[in-house]
Every structure is written in C-alpha cells, then in structure tokens.
Amino acid sequence: MENSKDIQELQKEAKGILWAFIIINVIAVLFWLIGSPLDEVAFIFVFVQVLFLIVWLLPYFLYQIIILKRDFKYALYKTLSSYKDLWENFTY
C-alpha cells in the first residue's frame, strides 16, 4: 500500500474532480431549465460525462481492482485522480 502522504494527495485530487462533475451537472441542469437554445448544450455536457465514465473511468477502475489488486477505496481515489493523467497526455 502507498504511504499516507500519497493517499492524502489522491483524496485531494479525487475531491477536485468530484466538485468538477458536480459543477458541470449543475450547469447542465440550469441550461436544461432555461430551455430551448441551451437544451443541446446540456445534452452535450451529460453525454461527454457519460462517455468519460464509460471510456476512461470504469476501465481504469476495473484495472486497478482486478489487475493491480488494490483495495476499493484506494482504487477509487486513484481512478478519480487519473483525469490529470488523461489531460496531461491529451494533445490537440
């Protein structure tokens, strides 16, 4: 198992991505409530989040649990904090 400093850093990063998802969902709901011109934007926000969950977070979590044999809590933190790895490797 990793040391306590690494776990605290992972918790901090995981909380950051959870707040980002919450903010995106609140914005999507507000856009949906506003109506017609912003309905499509709200749909895109939700679609991208679901796609991100299915394509990146779920496989990465299963890899942490099944292949690396990490405990559930650590694998969850590691998975949620992995968005920064994805963003660092993203090129235009």
PDB file of N, CA and C in Angstrom:
ATOM      1  N   MET A   1       0.845  -1.188   0.000  1.00  0.00           N
ATOM      2  CA  MET A   1       0.000   0.000   0.000  1.00  0.00           C
ATOM      3  C   MET A   1       0.878   1.236   0.000  1.00  0.00           C
ATOM      4  N   GLU A   2       0.363   2.261  -0.547  1.00  0.00           N
ATOM      5  CA  GLU A   2       1.083   3.518  -0.635  1.00  0.00           C
ATOM      6  C   GLU A   2       1.121   4.204   0.720  1.00  0.00           C
ATOM      7  N   ASN A   3       2.035   5.155   0.853  1.00  0.00           N
ATOM      8  CA  ASN A   3       2.116   5.856   2.139  1.00  0.00           C
ATOM      9  C   ASN A   3       0.987   6.863   2.294  1.00  0.00           C
ATOM     10  N   SER A   4       0.859   7.348   3.497  1.00  0.00           N
ATOM     11  CA  SER A   4      -0.282   8.205   3.846  1.00  0.00           C
ATOM     12  C   SER A   4      -0.261   9.536   3.099  1.00  0.00           C
ATOM     13  N   LYS A   5       0.917  10.052   2.780  1.00  0.00           N
ATOM     14  CA  LYS A   5       1.007  11.321   2.046  1.00  0.00           C
ATOM     15  C   LYS A   5       0.450  11.168   0.631  1.00  0.00           C
ATOM     16  N   ASP A   6       0.757  10.039  -0.012  1.00  0.00           N
ATOM     17  CA  ASP A   6       0.224   9.786  -1.353  1.00  0.00           C
ATOM     18  C   ASP A   6      -1.291   9.637  -1.329  1.00  0.00           C
ATOM     19  N   ILE A   7      -1.792   8.955  -0.310  1.00  0.00           N
ATOM     20  CA  ILE A   7      -3.239   8.767  -0.196  1.00  0.00           C
ATOM     21  C   ILE A   7      -3.943  10.097   0.029  1.00  0.00           C
ATOM     22  N   GLN A   8      -3.360  10.959   0.845  1.00  0.00           N
ATOM     23  CA  GLN A   8      -3.959  12.271   1.075  1.00  0.00           C
ATOM     24  C   GLN A   8      -3.955  13.104  -0.200  1.00  0.00           C
ATOM     25  N   GLU A   9      -2.894  13.009  -0.972  1.00  0.00           N
ATOM     26  CA  GLU A   9      -2.832  13.735  -2.243  1.00  0.00           C
ATOM     27  C   GLU A   9      -3.889  13.205  -3.220  1.00  0.00           C
ATOM     28  N   LEU A  10      -4.041  11.875  -3.259  1.00  0.00           N
ATOM     29  CA  LEU A  10      -5.066  11.280  -4.124  1.00  0.00           C
ATOM     30  C   LEU A  10      -6.467  11.697  -3.686  1.00  0.00           C
ATOM     31  N   GLN A  11      -6.705  11.752  -2.374  1.00  0.00           N
ATOM     32  CA  GLN A  11      -8.007  12.193  -1.875  1.00  0.00           C
ATOM     33  C   GLN A  11      -8.296  13.624  -2.293  1.00  0.00           C
ATOM     34  N   LYS A  12      -7.294  14.470  -2.207  1.00  0.00           N
ATOM     35  CA  LYS A  12      -7.464  15.878  -2.581  1.00  0.00           C
ATOM     36  C   LYS A  12      -7.805  15.996  -4.071  1.00  0.00           C
ATOM     37  N   GLU A  13      -7.075  15.255  -4.906  1.00  0.00           N
ATOM     38  CA  GLU A  13      -7.333  15.301  -6.340  1.00  0.00           C
ATOM     39  C   GLU A  13      -8.694  14.700  -6.686  1.00  0.00           C
ATOM     40  N   ALA A  14      -9.078  13.625  -5.982  1.00  0.00           N
ATOM     41  CA  ALA A  14     -10.373  12.986  -6.224  1.00  0.00           C
ATOM     42  C   ALA A  14     -11.511  13.928  -5.847  1.00  0.00           C
ATOM     43  N   LYS A  15     -11.359  14.644  -4.749  1.00  0.00           N
ATOM     44  CA  LYS A  15     -12.389  15.615  -4.360  1.00  0.00           C
ATOM     45  C   LYS A  15     -12.505  16.721  -5.403  1.00  0.00           C
ATOM     46  N   GLY A  16     -11.387  17.116  -5.980  1.00  0.00           N
ATOM     47  CA  GLY A  16     -11.401  18.142  -7.022  1.00  0.00           C
ATOM     48  C   GLY A  16     -12.203  17.711  -8.241  1.00  0.00           C
ATOM     49  N   ILE A  17     -12.008  16.473  -8.694  1.00  0.00           N
ATOM     50  CA  ILE A  17     -12.761  16.011  -9.863  1.00  0.00           C
ATOM     51  C   ILE A  17     -14.229  15.807  -9.520  1.00  0.00           C
ATOM     52  N   LEU A  18     -14.523  15.393  -8.291  1.00  0.00           N
ATOM     53  CA  LEU A  18     -15.935  15.277  -7.896  1.00  0.00           C
ATOM     54  C   LEU A  18     -16.616  16.636  -7.917  1.00  0.00           C
ATOM     55  N   TRP A  19     -15.935  17.662  -7.428  1.00  0.00           N
ATOM     56  CA  TRP A  19     -16.505  19.017  -7.483  1.00  0.00           C
ATOM     57  C   TRP A  19     -16.693  19.472  -8.931  1.00  0.00           C
ATOM     58  N   ALA A  20     -15.746  19.122  -9.792  1.00  0.00           N
ATOM     59  CA  ALA A  20     -15.883  19.490 -11.204  1.00  0.00           C
ATOM     60  C   ALA A  20     -17.107  18.820 -11.820  1.00  0.00           C
ATOM     61  N   PHE A  21     -17.317  17.528 -11.522  1.00  0.00           N
ATOM     62  CA  PHE A  21     -18.507  16.841 -12.032  1.00  0.00           C
ATOM     63  C   PHE A  21     -19.781  17.454 -11.478  1.00  0.00           C
ATOM     64  N   ILE A  22     -19.788  17.817 -10.218  1.00  0.00           N
ATOM     65  CA  ILE A  22     -20.974  18.432  -9.620  1.00  0.00           C
ATOM     66  C   ILE A  22     -21.274  19.769 -10.281  1.00  0.00           C
ATOM     67  N   ILE A  23     -20.262  20.579 -10.487  1.00  0.00           N
ATOM     68  CA  ILE A  23     -20.450  21.891 -11.122  1.00  0.00           C
ATOM     69  C   ILE A  23     -20.957  21.730 -12.550  1.00  0.00           C
ATOM     70  N   ILE A  24     -20.386  20.789 -13.296  1.00  0.00           N
ATOM     71  CA  ILE A  24     -20.840  20.560 -14.666  1.00  0.00           C
ATOM     72  C   ILE A  24     -22.295  20.112 -14.687  1.00  0.00           C
ATOM     73  N   ASN A  25     -22.675  19.240 -13.747  1.00  0.00           N
ATOM     74  CA  ASN A  25     -24.059  18.771 -13.698  1.00  0.00           C
ATOM     75  C   ASN A  25     -25.025  19.882 -13.307  1.00  0.00           C
ATOM     76  N   VAL A  26     -24.625  20.742 -12.385  1.00  0.00           N
ATOM     77  CA  VAL A  26     -25.487  21.869 -12.007  1.00  0.00           C
ATOM     78  C   VAL A  26     -25.666  22.808 -13.199  1.00  0.00           C
ATOM     79  N   ILE A  27     -24.604  23.074 -13.925  1.00  0.00           N
ATOM     80  CA  ILE A  27     -24.706  23.923 -15.116  1.00  0.00           C
ATOM     81  C   ILE A  27     -25.606  23.270 -16.161  1.00  0.00           C
ATOM     82  N   ALA A  28     -25.468  21.961 -16.334  1.00  0.00           N
ATOM     83  CA  ALA A  28     -26.315  21.251 -17.303  1.00  0.00           C
ATOM     84  C   ALA A  28     -27.780  21.341 -16.915  1.00  0.00           C
ATOM     85  N   VAL A  29     -28.085  21.181 -15.624  1.00  0.00           N
ATOM     86  CA  VAL A  29     -29.473  21.289 -15.171  1.00  0.00           C
ATOM     87  C   VAL A  29     -29.997  22.705 -15.385  1.00  0.00           C
ATOM     88  N   LEU A  30     -29.183  23.702 -15.084  1.00  0.00           N
ATOM     89  CA  LEU A  30     -29.608  25.090 -15.311  1.00  0.00           C
ATOM     90  C   LEU A  30     -29.867  25.355 -16.786  1.00  0.00           C
ATOM     91  N   PHE A  31     -28.990  24.861 -17.651  1.00  0.00           N
ATOM     92  CA  PHE A  31     -29.202  25.023 -19.088  1.00  0.00           C
ATOM     93  C   PHE A  31     -30.482  24.332 -19.532  1.00  0.00           C
ATOM     94  N   TRP A  32     -30.752  23.142 -18.984  1.00  0.00           N
ATOM     95  CA  TRP A  32     -31.954  22.416 -19.344  1.00  0.00           C
ATOM     96  C   TRP A  32     -33.201  23.166 -18.874  1.00  0.00           C
ATOM     97  N   LEU A  33     -33.129  23.781 -17.687  1.00  0.00           N
ATOM     98  CA  LEU A  33     -34.266  24.532 -17.165  1.00  0.00           C
ATOM     99  C   LEU A  33     -34.508  25.816 -17.947  1.00  0.00           C
ATOM    100  N   ILE A  34     -33.440  26.419 -18.446  1.00  0.00           N
ATOM    101  CA  ILE A  34     -33.587  27.660 -19.224  1.00  0.00           C
ATOM    102  C   ILE A  34     -34.387  27.391 -20.488  1.00  0.00           C
ATOM    103  N   GLY A  35     -34.090  26.283 -21.132  1.00  0.00           N
ATOM    104  CA  GLY A  35     -34.949  25.927 -22.256  1.00  0.00           C
ATOM    105  C   GLY A  35     -34.257  25.799 -23.582  1.00  0.00           C
ATOM    106  N   SER A  36     -35.006  26.119 -24.586  1.00  0.00           N
ATOM    107  CA  SER A  36     -34.748  25.767 -25.968  1.00  0.00           C
ATOM    108  C   SER A  36     -33.318  25.988 -26.471  1.00  0.00           C
ATOM    109  N   PRO A  37     -32.754  27.166 -26.409  1.00  0.00           N
ATOM    110  CA  PRO A  37     -31.448  27.305 -27.060  1.00  0.00           C
ATOM    111  C   PRO A  37     -30.321  26.557 -26.337  1.00  0.00           C
ATOM    112  N   LEU A  38     -30.490  26.271 -25.066  1.00  0.00           N
ATOM    113  CA  LEU A  38     -29.408  25.641 -24.314  1.00  0.00           C
ATOM    114  C   LEU A  38     -29.644  24.168 -24.014  1.00  0.00           C
ATOM    115  N   ASP A  39     -30.745  23.609 -24.496  1.00  0.00           N
ATOM    116  CA  ASP A  39     -31.017  22.187 -24.283  1.00  0.00           C
ATOM    117  C   ASP A  39     -29.921  21.303 -24.880  1.00  0.00           C
ATOM    118  N   GLU A  40     -29.467  21.661 -26.058  1.00  0.00           N
ATOM    119  CA  GLU A  40     -28.445  20.866 -26.729  1.00  0.00           C
ATOM    120  C   GLU A  40     -27.123  20.904 -25.961  1.00  0.00           C
ATOM    121  N   VAL A  41     -26.795  22.048 -25.394  1.00  0.00           N
ATOM    122  CA  VAL A  41     -25.553  22.177 -24.623  1.00  0.00           C
ATOM    123  C   VAL A  41     -25.622  21.306 -23.376  1.00  0.00           C
ATOM    124  N   ALA A  42     -26.770  21.292 -22.717  1.00  0.00           N
ATOM    125  CA  ALA A  42     -26.945  20.444 -21.537  1.00  0.00           C
ATOM    126  C   ALA A  42     -26.794  18.976 -21.919  1.00  0.00           C
ATOM    127  N   PHE A  43     -27.360  18.584 -23.042  1.00  0.00           N
ATOM    128  CA  PHE A  43     -27.227  17.208 -23.507  1.00  0.00           C
ATOM    129  C   PHE A  43     -25.769  16.864 -23.786  1.00  0.00           C
ATOM    130  N   ILE A  44     -25.043  17.769 -24.383  1.00  0.00           N
ATOM    131  CA  ILE A  44     -23.625  17.535 -24.677  1.00  0.00           C
ATOM    132  C   ILE A  44     -22.832  17.378 -23.389  1.00  0.00           C
ATOM    133  N   PHE A  45     -23.097  18.217 -22.394  1.00  0.00           N
ATOM    134  CA  PHE A  45     -22.410  18.093 -21.101  1.00  0.00           C
ATOM    135  C   PHE A  45     -22.620  16.703 -20.500  1.00  0.00           C
ATOM    136  N   VAL A  46     -23.861  16.259 -20.478  1.00  0.00           N
ATOM    137  CA  VAL A  46     -24.177  14.953 -19.894  1.00  0.00           C
ATOM    138  C   VAL A  46     -23.581  13.830 -20.744  1.00  0.00           C
ATOM    139  N   PHE A  47     -23.676  13.950 -22.050  1.00  0.00           N
ATOM    140  CA  PHE A  47     -23.136  12.931 -22.947  1.00  0.00           C
ATOM    141  C   PHE A  47     -21.628  12.777 -22.771  1.00  0.00           C
ATOM    142  N   VAL A  48     -20.918  13.879 -22.680  1.00  0.00           N
ATOM    143  CA  VAL A  48     -19.462  13.830 -22.509  1.00  0.00           C
ATOM    144  C   VAL A  48     -19.109  13.195 -21.165  1.00  0.00           C
ATOM    145  N   GLN A  49     -19.855  13.501 -20.129  1.00  0.00           N
ATOM    146  CA  GLN A  49     -19.587  12.897 -18.820  1.00  0.00           C
ATOM    147  C   GLN A  49     -19.820  11.391 -18.839  1.00  0.00           C
ATOM    148  N   VAL A  50     -20.897  10.957 -19.458  1.00  0.00           N
ATOM    149  CA  VAL A  50     -21.179   9.522 -19.537  1.00  0.00           C
ATOM    150  C   VAL A  50     -20.109   8.826 -20.375  1.00  0.00           C
ATOM    151  N   LEU A  51     -19.733   9.436 -21.469  1.00  0.00           N
ATOM    152  CA  LEU A  51     -18.677   8.889 -22.316  1.00  0.00           C
ATOM    153  C   LEU A  51     -17.360   8.792 -21.548  1.00  0.00           C
ATOM    154  N   PHE A  52     -17.027   9.826 -20.799  1.00  0.00           N
ATOM    155  CA  PHE A  52     -15.818   9.838 -19.983  1.00  0.00           C
ATOM    156  C   PHE A  52     -15.864   8.723 -18.935  1.00  0.00           C
ATOM    157  N   LEU A  53     -17.019   8.518 -18.341  1.00  0.00           N
ATOM    158  CA  LEU A  53     -17.184   7.459 -17.345  1.00  0.00           C
ATOM    159  C   LEU A  53     -16.984   6.076 -17.974  1.00  0.00           C
ATOM    160  N   ILE A  54     -17.612   5.840 -19.122  1.00  0.00           N
ATOM    161  CA  ILE A  54     -17.563   4.521 -19.758  1.00  0.00           C
ATOM    162  C   ILE A  54     -16.207   4.243 -20.394  1.00  0.00           C
ATOM    163  N   VAL A  55     -15.632   5.235 -21.035  1.00  0.00           N
ATOM    164  CA  VAL A  55     -14.403   5.018 -21.789  1.00  0.00           C
ATOM    165  C   VAL A  55     -13.151   5.096 -20.917  1.00  0.00           C
ATOM    166  N   TRP A  56     -13.145   5.953 -19.915  1.00  0.00           N
ATOM    167  CA  TRP A  56     -11.928   6.155 -19.139  1.00  0.00           C
ATOM    168  C   TRP A  56     -12.035   5.660 -17.699  1.00  0.00           C
ATOM    169  N   LEU A  57     -12.993   6.151 -16.945  1.00  0.00           N
ATOM    170  CA  LEU A  57     -13.021   5.878 -15.513  1.00  0.00           C
ATOM    171  C   LEU A  57     -13.348   4.426 -15.177  1.00  0.00           C
ATOM    172  N   LEU A  58     -14.348   3.839 -15.806  1.00  0.00           N
ATOM    173  CA  LEU A  58     -14.721   2.467 -15.488  1.00  0.00           C
ATOM    174  C   LEU A  58     -13.618   1.465 -15.840  1.00  0.00           C
ATOM    175  N   PRO A  59     -13.042   1.509 -17.046  1.00  0.00           N
ATOM    176  CA  PRO A  59     -11.952   0.571 -17.333  1.00  0.00           C
ATOM    177  C   PRO A  59     -10.733   0.775 -16.424  1.00  0.00           C
ATOM    178  N   TYR A  60     -10.420   2.019 -16.119  1.00  0.00           N
ATOM    179  CA  TYR A  60      -9.273   2.298 -15.256  1.00  0.00           C
ATOM    180  C   TYR A  60      -9.531   1.766 -13.843  1.00  0.00           C
ATOM    181  N   PHE A  61     -10.754   1.919 -13.355  1.00  0.00           N
ATOM    182  CA  PHE A  61     -11.110   1.404 -12.028  1.00  0.00           C
ATOM    183  C   PHE A  61     -11.031  -0.119 -12.008  1.00  0.00           C
ATOM    184  N   LEU A  62     -11.571  -0.753 -13.021  1.00  0.00           N
ATOM    185  CA  LEU A  62     -11.510  -2.210 -13.082  1.00  0.00           C
ATOM    186  C   LEU A  62     -10.069  -2.706 -13.187  1.00  0.00           C
ATOM    187  N   TYR A  63      -9.238  -1.986 -13.910  1.00  0.00           N
ATOM    188  CA  TYR A  63      -7.818  -2.328 -13.990  1.00  0.00           C
ATOM    189  C   TYR A  63      -7.166  -2.242 -12.612  1.00  0.00           C
ATOM    190  N   GLN A  64      -7.484  -1.202 -11.863  1.00  0.00           N
ATOM    191  CA  GLN A  64      -6.927  -1.035 -10.519  1.00  0.00           C
ATOM    192  C   GLN A  64      -7.366  -2.176  -9.600  1.00  0.00           C
ATOM    193  N   ILE A  65      -8.615  -2.581  -9.694  1.00  0.00           N
ATOM    194  CA  ILE A  65      -9.163  -3.623  -8.820  1.00  0.00           C
ATOM    195  C   ILE A  65      -8.716  -5.025  -9.252  1.00  0.00           C
ATOM    196  N   ILE A  66      -8.887  -5.342 -10.525  1.00  0.00           N
ATOM    197  CA  ILE A  66      -8.677  -6.716 -10.993  1.00  0.00           C
ATOM    198  C   ILE A  66      -7.200  -7.019 -11.242  1.00  0.00           C
ATOM    199  N   ILE A  67      -6.521  -6.169 -11.961  1.00  0.00           N
ATOM    200  CA  ILE A  67      -5.138  -6.460 -12.350  1.00  0.00           C
ATOM    201  C   ILE A  67      -4.157  -6.107 -11.234  1.00  0.00           C
ATOM    202  N   LEU A  68      -4.268  -4.897 -10.689  1.00  0.00           N
ATOM    203  CA  LEU A  68      -3.311  -4.450  -9.680  1.00  0.00           C
ATOM    204  C   LEU A  68      -3.676  -4.877  -8.258  1.00  0.00           C
ATOM    205  N   LYS A  69      -4.874  -5.426  -8.080  1.00  0.00           N
ATOM    206  CA  LYS A  69      -5.326  -5.947  -6.781  1.00  0.00           C
ATOM    207  C   LYS A  69      -5.279  -4.895  -5.667  1.00  0.00           C
ATOM    208  N   ARG A  70      -5.702  -3.692  -5.991  1.00  0.00           N
ATOM    209  CA  ARG A  70      -5.753  -2.624  -4.986  1.00  0.00           C
ATOM    210  C   ARG A  70      -7.075  -2.665  -4.253  1.00  0.00           C
ATOM    211  N   ASP A  71      -7.083  -2.147  -3.041  1.00  0.00           N
ATOM    212  CA  ASP A  71      -8.349  -2.119  -2.307  1.00  0.00           C
ATOM    213  C   ASP A  71      -9.289  -1.086  -2.936  1.00  0.00           C
ATOM    214  N   PHE A  72     -10.565  -1.227  -2.634  1.00  0.00           N
ATOM    215  CA  PHE A  72     -11.607  -0.446  -3.295  1.00  0.00           C
ATOM    216  C   PHE A  72     -11.397   1.057  -3.126  1.00  0.00           C
ATOM    217  N   LYS A  73     -11.150   1.492  -1.898  1.00  0.00           N
ATOM    218  CA  LYS A  73     -11.037   2.924  -1.610  1.00  0.00           C
ATOM    219  C   LYS A  73      -9.848   3.543  -2.342  1.00  0.00           C
ATOM    220  N   TYR A  74      -8.701   2.879  -2.277  1.00  0.00           N
ATOM    221  CA  TYR A  74      -7.517   3.401  -2.956  1.00  0.00           C
ATOM    222  C   TYR A  74      -7.728   3.418  -4.471  1.00  0.00           C
ATOM    223  N   ALA A  75      -8.334   2.354  -5.009  1.00  0.00           N
ATOM    224  CA  ALA A  75      -8.592   2.295  -6.450  1.00  0.00           C
ATOM    225  C   ALA A  75      -9.547   3.399  -6.888  1.00  0.00           C
ATOM    226  N   LEU A  76     -10.539   3.709  -6.051  1.00  0.00           N
ATOM    227  CA  LEU A  76     -11.474   4.781  -6.369  1.00  0.00           C
ATOM    228  C   LEU A  76     -10.760   6.131  -6.402  1.00  0.00           C
ATOM    229  N   TYR A  77      -9.952   6.409  -5.395  1.00  0.00           N
ATOM    230  CA  TYR A  77      -9.186   7.664  -5.374  1.00  0.00           C
ATOM    231  C   TYR A  77      -8.240   7.743  -6.567  1.00  0.00           C
ATOM    232  N   LYS A  78      -7.561   6.660  -6.842  1.00  0.00           N
ATOM    233  CA  LYS A  78      -6.610   6.630  -7.947  1.00  0.00           C
ATOM    234  C   LYS A  78      -7.320   6.849  -9.279  1.00  0.00           C
ATOM    235  N   THR A  79      -8.484   6.243  -9.430  1.00  0.00           N
ATOM    236  CA  THR A  79      -9.247   6.388 -10.668  1.00  0.00           C
ATOM    237  C   THR A  79      -9.729   7.820 -10.844  1.00  0.00           C
ATOM    238  N   LEU A  80     -10.295   8.402  -9.797  1.00  0.00           N
ATOM    239  CA  LEU A  80     -10.799   9.772  -9.913  1.00  0.00           C
ATOM    240  C   LEU A  80      -9.673  10.766 -10.145  1.00  0.00           C
ATOM    241  N   SER A  81      -8.521  10.523  -9.564  1.00  0.00           N
ATOM    242  CA  SER A  81      -7.412  11.452  -9.760  1.00  0.00           C
ATOM    243  C   SER A  81      -6.698  11.222 -11.090  1.00  0.00           C
ATOM    244  N   SER A  82      -7.077  10.176 -11.811  1.00  0.00           N
ATOM    245  CA  SER A  82      -6.403   9.872 -13.070  1.00  0.00           C
ATOM    246  C   SER A  82      -6.775  10.833 -14.194  1.00  0.00           C
ATOM    247  N   TYR A  83      -7.772  11.678 -13.974  1.00  0.00           N
ATOM    248  CA  TYR A  83      -8.142  12.642 -15.018  1.00  0.00           C
ATOM    249  C   TYR A  83      -6.983  13.547 -15.378  1.00  0.00           C
ATOM    250  N   LYS A  84      -6.127  13.843 -14.402  1.00  0.00           N
ATOM    251  CA  LYS A  84      -4.983  14.717 -14.706  1.00  0.00           C
ATOM    252  C   LYS A  84      -3.992  14.003 -15.618  1.00  0.00           C
ATOM    253  N   ASP A  85      -3.859  12.673 -15.480  1.00  0.00           N
ATOM    254  CA  ASP A  85      -3.001  11.920 -16.395  1.00  0.00           C
ATOM    255  C   ASP A  85      -3.557  11.967 -17.808  1.00  0.00           C
ATOM    256  N   LEU A  86      -4.858  11.834 -17.919  1.00  0.00           N
ATOM    257  CA  LEU A  86      -5.509  11.907 -19.223  1.00  0.00           C
ATOM    258  C   LEU A  86      -5.312  13.284 -19.840  1.00  0.00           C
ATOM    259  N   TRP A  87      -5.490  14.337 -19.027  1.00  0.00           N
ATOM    260  CA  TRP A  87      -5.374  15.697 -19.524  1.00  0.00           C
ATOM    261  C   TRP A  87      -3.933  16.027 -19.921  1.00  0.00           C
ATOM    262  N   GLU A  88      -2.932  15.523 -19.172  1.00  0.00           N
ATOM    263  CA  GLU A  88      -1.528  15.780 -19.487  1.00  0.00           C
ATOM    264  C   GLU A  88      -1.132  15.125 -20.804  1.00  0.00           C
ATOM    265  N   ASN A  89      -1.740  13.988 -21.135  1.00  0.00           N
ATOM    266  CA  ASN A  89      -1.394  13.271 -22.369  1.00  0.00           C
ATOM    267  C   ASN A  89      -2.247  13.673 -23.553  1.00  0.00           C
ATOM    268  N   PHE A  90      -3.222  14.548 -23.324  1.00  0.00           N
ATOM    269  CA  PHE A  90      -4.110  14.987 -24.402  1.00  0.00           C
ATOM    270  C   PHE A  90      -3.387  16.026 -25.261  1.00  0.00           C
ATOM    271  N   THR A  91      -3.411  15.816 -26.564  1.00  0.00           N
ATOM    272  CA  THR A  91      -2.818  16.778 -27.497  1.00  0.00           C
ATOM    273  C   THR A  91      -3.874  17.179 -28.509  1.00  0.00           C
ATOM    274  N   TYR A  92      -3.768  18.379 -28.993  1.00  0.00           N
ATOM    275  CA  TYR A  92      -4.739  18.895 -29.955  1.00  0.00           C
ATOM    276  C   TYR A  92      -4.439  18.413 -31.330  1.00  0.00           C
TER     277      TYR A  92
END
